[in-house]
Amino acid sequence: MKYQKAEMILDRRGQGLTEYAILMVLVVMGSVVIVKSIGTQLNIKLTSVRDDINKKITVHR
C-alpha cells in the first residue's frame, strides 16, 4: 500500500514536470517570435531614419 502511494506521488510529479517543460517551451517559442518581429520592425524603422539623414546630409553639401 505504501509503495502504491509513493508511485502515485512520483507519477504526479513526473506529469507536473512534463507539463511545466511543455509550457516553458511554448513560452520560449512565443518570446522568440515576438522578439524577432520587433527586431525586424525596428530594423526597418532605423534603416528609414538612416536614409533620411543621408538624404539631408547630401542636400546640404
C-alpha atoms as a PDB file:
ATOM      1  CA  MET A   1       0.000   0.000   0.000  1.00  0.00           C
ATOM      2  CA  LYS A   2       2.810   2.424   0.877  1.00  0.00           C
ATOM      3  CA  TYR A   3       4.555   1.688  -2.399  1.00  0.00           C
ATOM      4  CA  GLN A   4       1.400   2.406  -4.372  1.00  0.00           C
ATOM      5  CA  LYS A   5       1.065   5.822  -2.739  1.00  0.00           C
ATOM      6  CA  ALA A   6       4.720   6.586  -3.379  1.00  0.00           C
ATOM      7  CA  GLU A   7       4.345   5.588  -7.037  1.00  0.00           C
ATOM      8  CA  MET A   8       1.278   7.797  -7.410  1.00  0.00           C
ATOM      9  CA  ILE A   9       3.134  10.769  -5.933  1.00  0.00           C
ATOM     10  CA  LEU A  10       6.134  10.221  -8.229  1.00  0.00           C
ATOM     11  CA  ASP A  11       3.871   9.810 -11.263  1.00  0.00           C
ATOM     12  CA  ARG A  12       2.169  13.109 -10.472  1.00  0.00           C
ATOM     13  CA  ARG A  13       5.498  14.861 -10.064  1.00  0.00           C
ATOM     14  CA  GLY A  14       6.658  13.470 -13.387  1.00  0.00           C
ATOM     15  CA  GLN A  15       3.451  14.616 -15.041  1.00  0.00           C
ATOM     16  CA  GLY A  16       3.779  18.068 -13.492  1.00  0.00           C
ATOM     17  CA  LEU A  17       7.390  18.318 -14.639  1.00  0.00           C
ATOM     18  CA  THR A  18       6.411  17.324 -18.171  1.00  0.00           C
ATOM     19  CA  GLU A  19       3.609  19.887 -18.246  1.00  0.00           C
ATOM     20  CA  TYR A  20       5.996  22.542 -16.935  1.00  0.00           C
ATOM     21  CA  ALA A  21       8.582  21.667 -19.596  1.00  0.00           C
ATOM     22  CA  ILE A  22       5.970  21.882 -22.368  1.00  0.00           C
ATOM     23  CA  LEU A  23       4.735  25.218 -21.037  1.00  0.00           C
ATOM     24  CA  MET A  24       8.291  26.589 -20.891  1.00  0.00           C
ATOM     25  CA  VAL A  25       8.943  25.506 -24.486  1.00  0.00           C
ATOM     26  CA  LEU A  26       5.788  27.315 -25.609  1.00  0.00           C
ATOM     27  CA  VAL A  27       6.739  30.464 -23.695  1.00  0.00           C
ATOM     28  CA  VAL A  28      10.251  30.468 -25.164  1.00  0.00           C
ATOM     29  CA  MET A  29       8.948  29.917 -28.694  1.00  0.00           C
ATOM     30  CA  GLY A  30       6.450  32.748 -28.279  1.00  0.00           C
ATOM     31  CA  SER A  31       9.153  35.040 -26.926  1.00  0.00           C
ATOM     32  CA  VAL A  32      11.436  34.284 -29.861  1.00  0.00           C
ATOM     33  CA  VAL A  33       8.667  35.090 -32.344  1.00  0.00           C
ATOM     34  CA  ILE A  34       7.845  38.374 -30.590  1.00  0.00           C
ATOM     35  CA  VAL A  35      11.479  39.496 -30.293  1.00  0.00           C
ATOM     36  CA  LYS A  36      12.165  38.570 -33.906  1.00  0.00           C
ATOM     37  CA  SER A  37       9.118  40.521 -35.061  1.00  0.00           C
ATOM     38  CA  ILE A  38      10.064  43.582 -33.021  1.00  0.00           C
ATOM     39  CA  GLY A  39      13.658  43.341 -34.246  1.00  0.00           C
ATOM     40  CA  THR A  40      12.553  43.267 -37.870  1.00  0.00           C
ATOM     41  CA  GLN A  41      10.250  46.251 -37.421  1.00  0.00           C
ATOM     42  CA  LEU A  42      12.943  48.163 -35.553  1.00  0.00           C
ATOM     43  CA  ASN A  43      15.483  47.420 -38.264  1.00  0.00           C
ATOM     44  CA  ILE A  44      13.103  48.749 -40.931  1.00  0.00           C
ATOM     45  CA  LYS A  45      12.481  51.917 -38.927  1.00  0.00           C
ATOM     46  CA  LEU A  46      16.172  52.559 -38.231  1.00  0.00           C
ATOM     47  CA  THR A  47      17.035  51.991 -41.884  1.00  0.00           C
ATOM     48  CA  SER A  48      14.443  54.589 -42.832  1.00  0.00           C
ATOM     49  CA  VAL A  49      15.878  57.084 -40.335  1.00  0.00           C
ATOM     50  CA  ARG A  50      19.401  56.443 -41.633  1.00  0.00           C
ATOM     51  CA  ASP A  51      18.292  57.006 -45.220  1.00  0.00           C
ATOM     52  CA  ASP A  52      16.532  60.265 -44.268  1.00  0.00           C
ATOM     53  CA  ILE A  53      19.661  61.515 -42.514  1.00  0.00           C
ATOM     54  CA  ASN A  54      21.828  60.611 -45.503  1.00  0.00           C
ATOM     55  CA  LYS A  55      19.464  62.491 -47.846  1.00  0.00           C
ATOM     56  CA  LYS A  56      19.606  65.622 -45.670  1.00  0.00           C
ATOM     57  CA  ILE A  57      23.393  65.481 -45.452  1.00  0.00           C
ATOM     58  CA  THR A  58      23.642  65.131 -49.247  1.00  0.00           C
ATOM     59  CA  VAL A  59      21.270  68.061 -49.857  1.00  0.00           C
ATOM     60  CA  HIS A  60      23.249  70.409 -47.573  1.00  0.00           C
ATOM     61  CA  ARG A  61      26.627  69.785 -49.247  1.00  0.00           C
END
